[in-house]
Amino acid sequence: MSKLIKDVNIYTRMFKFTFYVLLHFYIFFYVFCNCSYPLGLVGIMSPFNAPVSLAFDPAIEAIAGGNRVIMKLSESTPKTAAFMTKLVGKYFKETELACVDGDLEVSKRFAALDWDKFFFTGGSEVGKKILSAAADHLTPVILELGGKSPCVVLKDADIKAAARKIGQIRVMNSGQVCISGDYAFVPEDKLEDFISHAVGIVEEKFPTIIHNMDYTAIIDDRNYNRIVGYIDEARAAGVRIIQANAGGEKLPDPKTRKIPLTVVVNPPMDLQVARYEIFGPVLTVFTYNSLDHVIKTINSNEKPLALYIFGKSRSQINQVVRNTSSGGVTVNDLLMHADASKMGFGGVGYSGMGRYKGGKIGFLAFTNPKSVVESGLMRRFTHIFQPPYTSDRSRKMLRNMVGMKE
């Protein structure tokens, strides 16, 4: 009996040893023989609203994947573009990372080049043109676009906390943030509290605006006039409008291109402020009594880049999440999903395609997972899958593989 036990122990140790050898061999084979390879040359076009981070964020991940990168910097921020070009030229070879600046015509030619992958952050309409330009070379693209990102304030939400966060984030970079809340749904009986807290926090943080260096201007006259036009159209239609203007300044101010937080209450859906992404410090607020109506309204628009939910009810939070489509969701906060998720960041439908960030997701976005298979012991049996299929066994196996039963 003791000899039998001894033999069993020996065989057990041999089995464990063999298992661990095979396991480590498999890991070695998987890691080193089935690797992701660089795609090649990556083109990146960054927007004006975050010209540094939205150029370098994808560039870092593309370089980590072994690619060469050329960045087209926004013509709307020429001083930033010049500074970035100087720094990149100092620390990188042109064959590793290079910068290009120039006007709209340069951007068109840049997008039409034969890239191995192209990355664009910007508006959905320009995204269509990027996709069209990439089609000539079948260039794979990542489009980080935008859209009207909704904020849903549930009936059990902390109205003060929700309003203060939504209002303060809406004036961050003067609303020129692709994932800031574009419009909000607020319970009808909480409307006045919501407006009071949203406007109050902005007036508290920005007692003056025109000469306040901490309050961002609109990027150019064209966009300033566009946003003011949205407000003027709503005012002419008799819509209720509230401004966060603690200093009583004459705002909006065309000279500094400063626009205060402007809350537009229940505008008709045919007005521009309700139809288009605002990309400015204007917040449209809609009241509701039925959560089903909120979900229906969200789904009647294009799919947004972000969706925000404020509240405590897990069933209602899940109801909104499961019955809507968006690039990402943050609950009881704003913006957090853009950097905190291991699933990466990206849009869906009209708000974009492809994902990056999140470490592994970003690395995979700019590489090709090339599988390499070397036929071993099985090579002596694979002939049974080659025509003609004369044996009943081969025919049965092939039929089962394509879902055809005898």
Protein backbone atom coordinates (compact mmCIF):
# COMPACT_ATOMS: atom_id res chain seq x y z
CA MET A 1 0.00 0.00 0.00
CA SER A 2 2.81 2.40 0.88
CA LYS A 3 4.42 1.72 -2.51
CA LEU A 4 1.11 2.44 -4.25
CA ILE A 5 0.76 5.74 -2.38
CA LYS A 6 4.33 6.63 -3.25
CA ASP A 7 3.71 5.89 -6.94
CA VAL A 8 0.53 7.99 -6.92
CA ASN A 9 2.42 10.89 -5.37
CA ILE A 10 5.12 10.62 -8.02
CA TYR A 11 2.58 10.59 -10.82
CA THR A 12 0.74 13.52 -9.20
CA ARG A 13 3.95 15.56 -9.07
CA MET A 14 4.73 14.60 -12.68
CA PHE A 15 1.27 15.68 -13.73
CA LYS A 16 1.60 19.02 -11.92
CA PHE A 17 5.05 19.56 -13.43
CA THR A 18 3.76 18.79 -16.94
CA PHE A 19 0.73 21.01 -16.41
CA TYR A 20 2.83 23.97 -15.30
CA VAL A 21 5.29 23.51 -18.16
CA LEU A 22 2.45 23.44 -20.69
CA LEU A 23 0.78 26.42 -19.03
CA HIS A 24 3.92 28.54 -19.16
CA PHE A 25 4.60 27.42 -22.73
CA TYR A 26 1.07 28.49 -23.68
CA ILE A 27 1.51 31.88 -22.01
CA PHE A 28 4.86 32.35 -23.75
CA PHE A 29 3.37 31.34 -27.10
CA TYR A 30 0.34 33.60 -26.66
CA VAL A 31 2.31 36.64 -25.59
CA PHE A 32 5.20 36.38 -28.02
CA CYS A 33 3.70 34.63 -31.03
CA ASN A 34 0.27 36.25 -31.16
CA CYS A 35 1.19 39.90 -30.74
CA SER A 36 -0.35 43.20 -31.74
CA TYR A 37 1.64 44.91 -34.47
CA PRO A 38 1.78 48.63 -35.30
CA LEU A 39 -0.57 49.81 -38.01
CA GLY A 40 2.03 52.18 -39.45
CA LEU A 41 1.44 55.90 -39.99
CA VAL A 42 -1.30 57.55 -37.91
CA GLY A 43 -2.84 60.94 -38.67
CA ILE A 44 -4.42 62.92 -35.83
CA MET A 45 -6.53 66.04 -36.25
CA SER A 46 -7.16 67.90 -32.99
CA PRO A 47 -9.90 70.47 -32.25
CA PHE A 48 -9.65 74.02 -30.91
CA ASN A 49 -11.42 73.41 -27.59
CA ALA A 50 -8.70 71.13 -26.16
CA PRO A 51 -5.81 71.52 -28.62
CA VAL A 52 -3.15 69.97 -26.40
CA SER A 53 -4.81 67.00 -24.70
CA LEU A 54 -6.88 65.93 -27.71
CA ALA A 55 -3.72 65.86 -29.82
CA PHE A 56 -1.37 64.17 -27.38
CA ASP A 57 -3.81 61.70 -25.79
CA PRO A 58 -4.27 59.65 -28.98
CA ALA A 59 -0.68 60.32 -30.07
CA ILE A 60 0.71 58.75 -26.88
CA GLU A 61 -1.34 55.60 -27.41
CA ALA A 62 -0.43 55.40 -31.09
CA ILE A 63 3.29 55.76 -30.31
CA ALA A 64 2.98 53.17 -27.53
CA GLY A 65 1.67 50.82 -30.21
CA GLY A 66 4.82 51.39 -32.28
CA ASN A 67 3.35 53.77 -34.85
CA ARG A 68 4.62 56.98 -36.39
CA VAL A 69 2.34 59.97 -35.87
CA ILE A 70 1.64 63.28 -37.59
CA MET A 71 -0.68 65.75 -35.83
CA LYS A 72 -2.67 68.43 -37.66
CA LEU A 73 -3.18 71.19 -35.11
CA SER A 74 -6.20 73.46 -35.08
CA GLU A 75 -5.94 76.63 -37.15
CA SER A 76 -8.20 78.33 -34.60
CA THR A 77 -5.44 78.25 -31.95
CA PRO A 78 -2.33 79.38 -33.87
CA LYS A 79 -0.22 80.34 -30.85
CA THR A 80 -0.81 77.00 -29.17
CA ALA A 81 -0.07 75.22 -32.46
CA ALA A 82 3.22 77.11 -32.86
CA PHE A 83 4.29 76.28 -29.30
CA MET A 84 3.42 72.59 -29.68
CA THR A 85 5.26 72.40 -33.01
CA LYS A 86 8.35 73.89 -31.36
CA LEU A 87 8.29 71.41 -28.46
CA VAL A 88 7.64 68.38 -30.65
CA GLY A 89 10.47 69.39 -32.98
CA LYS A 90 12.81 69.70 -30.00
CA TYR A 91 12.12 66.31 -28.42
CA PHE A 92 11.11 64.05 -31.34
CA LYS A 93 12.50 63.09 -34.71
CA GLU A 94 10.19 63.87 -37.63
CA THR A 95 10.04 60.15 -38.35
CA GLU A 96 8.53 59.58 -34.89
CA LEU A 97 6.18 62.48 -34.22
CA ALA A 98 5.61 65.61 -36.27
CA CYS A 99 3.18 68.55 -36.32
CA VAL A 100 1.43 70.25 -39.21
CA ASP A 101 -0.47 73.53 -39.02
CA GLY A 102 -2.35 75.50 -41.64
CA ASP A 103 -5.76 76.63 -42.77
CA LEU A 104 -8.90 74.72 -43.75
CA GLU A 105 -7.44 73.74 -47.12
CA VAL A 106 -4.47 72.11 -45.39
CA SER A 107 -6.90 70.20 -43.14
CA LYS A 108 -8.76 68.87 -46.19
CA ARG A 109 -5.55 67.68 -47.85
CA PHE A 110 -4.30 66.21 -44.56
CA ALA A 111 -7.47 64.15 -44.07
CA ALA A 112 -7.31 62.83 -47.66
CA LEU A 113 -3.79 61.34 -47.36
CA ASP A 114 -3.21 57.58 -47.35
CA TRP A 115 -3.04 56.89 -43.61
CA ASP A 116 -2.89 53.55 -41.86
CA LYS A 117 -5.28 55.02 -39.30
CA PHE A 118 -6.85 58.42 -38.83
CA PHE A 119 -8.10 60.03 -35.61
CA PHE A 120 -10.42 63.04 -35.59
CA THR A 121 -12.09 64.96 -32.78
CA GLY A 122 -14.67 67.55 -33.74
CA GLY A 123 -18.22 68.14 -34.90
CA SER A 124 -20.43 65.51 -36.49
CA GLU A 125 -20.82 67.40 -39.78
CA VAL A 126 -17.07 67.69 -40.24
CA GLY A 127 -16.81 64.04 -39.19
CA LYS A 128 -18.86 63.10 -42.26
CA LYS A 129 -16.32 64.86 -44.48
CA ILE A 130 -13.44 63.10 -42.73
CA LEU A 131 -15.11 59.74 -43.29
CA SER A 132 -15.70 60.57 -46.95
CA ALA A 133 -12.04 61.55 -47.44
CA ALA A 134 -10.86 58.36 -45.75
CA ALA A 135 -13.02 56.19 -48.00
CA ASP A 136 -10.74 56.65 -51.04
CA HIS A 137 -7.95 54.74 -49.26
CA LEU A 138 -10.18 52.58 -47.04
CA THR A 139 -8.48 54.26 -44.10
CA PRO A 140 -9.84 53.05 -40.73
CA VAL A 141 -10.91 56.00 -38.61
CA ILE A 142 -11.72 56.87 -35.03
CA LEU A 143 -14.23 59.70 -34.90
CA GLU A 144 -14.74 61.43 -31.55
CA LEU A 145 -17.66 63.72 -32.25
CA GLY A 146 -20.29 65.15 -29.92
CA GLY A 147 -23.98 65.83 -30.03
CA LYS A 148 -26.56 67.00 -27.53
CA SER A 149 -25.65 65.20 -24.30
CA PRO A 150 -28.67 65.04 -21.95
CA CYS A 151 -28.77 65.30 -18.15
CA VAL A 152 -31.64 63.42 -16.51
CA VAL A 153 -32.47 64.63 -13.00
CA LEU A 154 -34.66 62.01 -11.33
CA LYS A 155 -37.38 62.93 -8.86
CA ASP A 156 -35.38 61.60 -5.90
CA ALA A 157 -32.16 63.39 -6.84
CA ASP A 158 -30.40 65.90 -4.61
CA ILE A 159 -31.61 68.87 -6.69
CA LYS A 160 -29.07 71.30 -5.24
CA ALA A 161 -26.07 69.05 -5.91
CA ALA A 162 -27.27 68.13 -9.41
CA ALA A 163 -28.02 71.72 -10.41
CA ARG A 164 -24.72 73.07 -9.11
CA LYS A 165 -22.69 70.43 -10.96
CA ILE A 166 -24.60 70.79 -14.21
CA GLY A 167 -24.43 74.59 -14.10
CA GLN A 168 -20.75 74.79 -13.21
CA ILE A 169 -19.67 72.23 -15.81
CA ARG A 170 -21.76 74.03 -18.44
CA VAL A 171 -19.53 77.10 -18.15
CA MET A 172 -16.29 75.10 -18.11
CA ASN A 173 -14.38 76.33 -21.17
CA SER A 174 -17.55 78.37 -21.78
CA GLY A 175 -19.46 75.24 -22.71
CA GLN A 176 -16.97 74.35 -25.45
CA VAL A 177 -16.64 70.78 -24.20
CA CYS A 178 -18.02 67.92 -26.28
CA ILE A 179 -19.28 65.96 -23.26
CA SER A 180 -20.72 68.74 -21.11
CA GLY A 181 -24.46 68.52 -20.49
CA ASP A 182 -26.24 70.22 -23.39
CA TYR A 183 -29.76 70.01 -21.97
CA ALA A 184 -31.45 68.81 -18.79
CA PHE A 185 -34.69 67.11 -17.85
CA VAL A 186 -35.95 68.31 -14.46
CA PRO A 187 -39.12 67.27 -12.55
CA GLU A 188 -41.73 69.96 -13.03
CA ASP A 189 -42.05 70.70 -9.33
CA LYS A 190 -38.25 71.06 -8.95
CA LEU A 191 -37.71 73.55 -11.81
CA GLU A 192 -37.36 76.74 -9.75
CA ASP A 193 -34.99 75.10 -7.27
CA PHE A 194 -32.89 73.75 -10.14
CA ILE A 195 -32.61 77.16 -11.85
CA SER A 196 -31.83 78.91 -8.58
CA HIS A 197 -28.97 76.55 -7.70
CA ALA A 198 -27.54 76.30 -11.25
CA VAL A 199 -27.47 80.07 -11.72
CA GLY A 200 -26.43 80.65 -8.10
CA ILE A 201 -23.28 78.54 -8.23
CA VAL A 202 -22.08 80.24 -11.42
CA GLU A 203 -22.73 83.71 -10.00
CA GLU A 204 -20.89 82.67 -6.84
CA LYS A 205 -17.84 81.42 -8.73
CA PHE A 206 -17.87 84.19 -11.35
CA PRO A 207 -19.08 87.45 -9.76
CA THR A 208 -17.83 89.25 -12.88
CA ILE A 209 -17.38 87.92 -16.40
CA ILE A 210 -16.19 90.42 -19.02
CA HIS A 211 -12.77 91.12 -17.48
CA ASN A 212 -12.53 87.86 -15.52
CA MET A 213 -9.53 85.88 -16.81
CA ASP A 214 -10.99 82.69 -15.35
CA TYR A 215 -14.08 82.90 -17.56
CA THR A 216 -13.41 81.56 -21.05
CA ALA A 217 -14.31 83.41 -24.23
CA ILE A 218 -15.97 81.84 -27.27
CA ILE A 219 -13.32 80.80 -29.77
CA ASP A 220 -14.21 83.19 -32.63
CA ASP A 221 -16.80 85.66 -33.92
CA ARG A 222 -18.58 83.07 -36.07
CA ASN A 223 -19.33 80.80 -33.10
CA TYR A 224 -20.11 83.75 -30.83
CA ASN A 225 -22.70 85.03 -33.30
CA ARG A 226 -24.12 81.52 -33.76
CA ILE A 227 -24.72 81.04 -30.02
CA VAL A 228 -26.13 84.54 -29.52
CA GLY A 229 -28.39 83.86 -32.49
CA TYR A 230 -29.78 80.77 -30.72
CA ILE A 231 -30.55 82.88 -27.63
CA ASP A 232 -32.10 85.73 -29.63
CA GLU A 233 -34.34 83.31 -31.54
CA ALA A 234 -35.59 81.78 -28.29
CA ARG A 235 -36.22 85.21 -26.75
CA ALA A 236 -38.14 86.33 -29.85
CA ALA A 237 -40.32 83.22 -29.51
CA GLY A 238 -41.27 84.26 -25.98
CA VAL A 239 -39.23 81.56 -24.21
CA ARG A 240 -38.22 82.21 -20.60
CA ILE A 241 -34.49 82.99 -20.36
CA ILE A 242 -32.37 83.46 -17.21
CA GLN A 243 -28.75 84.67 -17.14
CA ALA A 244 -26.10 84.16 -14.47
CA ASN A 245 -24.88 87.76 -14.31
CA ALA A 246 -24.14 88.72 -10.72
CA GLY A 247 -22.24 91.89 -11.72
CA GLY A 248 -25.05 93.26 -13.85
CA GLU A 249 -22.72 93.56 -16.85
CA LYS A 250 -23.92 94.10 -20.39
CA LEU A 251 -23.77 90.54 -21.65
CA PRO A 252 -23.25 88.84 -24.04
CA ASP A 253 -20.24 91.03 -24.91
CA PRO A 254 -19.15 90.95 -28.58
CA LYS A 255 -15.76 92.56 -27.88
CA THR A 256 -14.55 89.87 -25.47
CA ARG A 257 -16.88 87.18 -26.88
CA LYS A 258 -18.06 86.40 -23.33
CA ILE A 259 -21.51 84.83 -22.88
CA PRO A 260 -22.86 84.15 -19.37
CA LEU A 261 -24.56 80.92 -18.37
CA THR A 262 -27.92 81.25 -20.07
CA VAL A 263 -30.76 78.96 -19.01
CA VAL A 264 -33.48 78.52 -21.64
CA VAL A 265 -36.65 76.98 -20.19
CA ASN A 266 -38.87 74.64 -22.19
CA PRO A 267 -38.07 75.94 -25.69
CA PRO A 268 -40.16 74.55 -28.57
CA MET A 269 -38.38 71.64 -30.22
CA ASP A 270 -38.19 73.43 -33.59
CA LEU A 271 -35.91 76.19 -32.23
CA GLN A 272 -32.18 75.97 -32.97
CA VAL A 273 -31.29 75.87 -29.28
CA ALA A 274 -33.29 72.64 -28.98
CA ARG A 275 -32.24 71.08 -32.29
CA TYR A 276 -28.49 71.62 -32.53
CA GLU A 277 -25.49 71.02 -30.28
CA ILE A 278 -24.94 74.39 -28.65
CA PHE A 279 -21.24 74.15 -27.76
CA GLY A 280 -21.50 77.20 -25.57
CA PRO A 281 -22.62 78.25 -22.05
CA VAL A 282 -26.33 77.83 -22.81
CA LEU A 283 -28.36 75.20 -20.96
CA THR A 284 -31.83 74.25 -22.14
CA VAL A 285 -34.06 72.85 -19.40
CA PHE A 286 -37.16 70.75 -20.02
CA THR A 287 -39.63 69.84 -17.30
CA TYR A 288 -41.22 66.40 -17.10
CA ASN A 289 -43.64 64.29 -15.14
CA SER A 290 -43.07 60.92 -16.81
CA LEU A 291 -39.68 59.21 -17.11
CA ASP A 292 -40.97 57.35 -20.16
CA HIS A 293 -41.44 60.72 -21.86
CA VAL A 294 -37.81 61.63 -21.06
CA ILE A 295 -36.53 58.40 -22.57
CA LYS A 296 -38.70 58.84 -25.65
CA THR A 297 -37.38 62.39 -26.16
CA ILE A 298 -33.75 61.30 -25.81
CA ASN A 299 -34.27 58.49 -28.32
CA SER A 300 -35.91 60.86 -30.79
CA ASN A 301 -32.57 62.68 -31.15
CA GLU A 302 -29.25 61.43 -32.50
CA LYS A 303 -27.24 59.24 -30.11
CA PRO A 304 -25.14 61.50 -27.84
CA LEU A 305 -21.53 61.14 -26.77
CA ALA A 306 -22.49 61.27 -23.09
CA LEU A 307 -25.55 60.83 -20.90
CA TYR A 308 -25.82 61.92 -17.28
CA ILE A 309 -28.25 60.68 -14.64
CA PHE A 310 -28.75 62.19 -11.18
CA GLY A 311 -30.75 60.29 -8.58
CA LYS A 312 -30.88 57.46 -6.05
CA SER A 313 -33.38 54.98 -7.46
CA ARG A 314 -31.40 52.09 -8.92
CA SER A 315 -34.41 50.84 -10.89
CA GLN A 316 -34.94 54.24 -12.54
CA ILE A 317 -31.22 54.70 -13.23
CA ASN A 318 -31.17 51.29 -14.90
CA GLN A 319 -34.35 52.16 -16.80
CA VAL A 320 -32.64 55.14 -18.40
CA VAL A 321 -29.36 53.34 -19.06
CA ARG A 322 -30.97 50.24 -20.60
CA ASN A 323 -33.47 52.09 -22.77
CA THR A 324 -31.17 54.73 -24.28
CA SER A 325 -28.00 54.63 -26.36
CA SER A 326 -24.98 56.87 -25.80
CA GLY A 327 -21.20 56.72 -25.99
CA GLY A 328 -20.93 56.60 -22.20
CA VAL A 329 -22.83 57.30 -18.98
CA THR A 330 -21.91 58.97 -15.71
CA VAL A 331 -24.27 58.70 -12.74
CA ASN A 332 -24.46 61.52 -10.17
CA ASP A 333 -21.58 63.39 -11.76
CA LEU A 334 -20.36 64.67 -15.12
CA LEU A 335 -17.41 63.89 -17.42
CA MET A 336 -16.05 61.06 -15.25
CA HIS A 337 -16.63 58.22 -17.74
CA ALA A 338 -14.27 59.86 -20.24
CA ASP A 339 -11.17 58.89 -18.24
CA ALA A 340 -12.27 56.46 -15.55
CA SER A 341 -13.49 53.55 -17.66
CA LYS A 342 -11.31 50.60 -18.64
CA MET A 343 -13.65 50.20 -21.61
CA GLY A 344 -12.17 53.33 -23.14
CA PHE A 345 -13.90 56.42 -24.45
CA GLY A 346 -15.87 56.88 -27.64
CA GLY A 347 -19.18 57.65 -29.26
CA VAL A 348 -21.90 55.70 -30.99
CA GLY A 349 -23.83 56.50 -34.15
CA TYR A 350 -23.87 60.24 -34.79
CA SER A 351 -21.52 60.89 -31.87
CA GLY A 352 -18.66 58.87 -33.32
CA MET A 353 -17.06 55.50 -33.91
CA GLY A 354 -14.14 53.66 -32.35
CA ARG A 355 -12.75 53.97 -28.84
CA TYR A 356 -9.45 54.96 -27.27
CA LYS A 357 -8.04 55.78 -23.82
CA GLY A 358 -8.23 53.27 -21.01
CA GLY A 359 -4.73 51.80 -21.43
CA LYS A 360 -5.26 48.49 -23.20
CA ILE A 361 -8.18 49.83 -25.26
CA GLY A 362 -6.03 52.69 -26.52
CA PHE A 363 -3.15 50.37 -27.35
CA LEU A 364 -5.42 48.01 -29.28
CA ALA A 365 -6.99 50.93 -31.15
CA PHE A 366 -3.72 51.63 -32.92
CA THR A 367 -2.42 48.09 -33.44
CA ASN A 368 -3.36 44.99 -35.36
CA PRO A 369 -3.72 41.77 -33.31
CA LYS A 370 -1.97 39.50 -35.80
CA SER A 371 -2.46 35.82 -35.04
CA VAL A 372 0.26 33.35 -36.00
CA VAL A 373 -0.63 29.65 -36.07
CA GLU A 374 1.93 26.90 -36.65
CA SER A 375 0.38 23.54 -37.36
CA GLY A 376 1.83 20.86 -35.11
CA LEU A 377 0.50 17.38 -34.39
CA MET A 378 -2.83 18.26 -35.95
CA ARG A 379 -1.34 18.72 -39.41
CA ARG A 380 -1.59 14.98 -40.07
CA PHE A 381 -5.36 15.15 -39.59
CA THR A 382 -6.32 18.41 -41.32
CA HIS A 383 -6.48 16.70 -44.73
CA ILE A 384 -9.95 15.42 -43.84
CA PHE A 385 -11.23 18.99 -44.33
CA GLN A 386 -9.89 19.14 -47.89
CA PRO A 387 -12.15 18.26 -50.84
CA PRO A 388 -13.41 15.94 -52.12
CA TYR A 389 -15.27 14.85 -48.99
CA THR A 390 -15.63 11.13 -49.60
CA SER A 391 -15.97 9.85 -46.06
CA ASP A 392 -19.27 9.96 -44.22
CA ARG A 393 -17.45 11.18 -41.12
CA SER A 394 -15.96 14.20 -42.93
CA ARG A 395 -19.27 15.13 -44.48
CA LYS A 396 -21.04 14.87 -41.13
CA MET A 397 -18.41 17.04 -39.39
CA LEU A 398 -18.60 19.72 -42.08
CA ARG A 399 -22.40 19.74 -42.04
CA ASN A 400 -22.37 20.16 -38.26
CA MET A 401 -19.87 23.03 -38.56
CA VAL A 402 -22.26 25.01 -40.76
CA GLY A 403 -25.30 24.10 -38.65
CA MET A 404 -26.79 21.48 -40.97
CA LYS A 405 -28.10 18.47 -39.11
CA GLU A 406 -28.52 15.02 -40.64
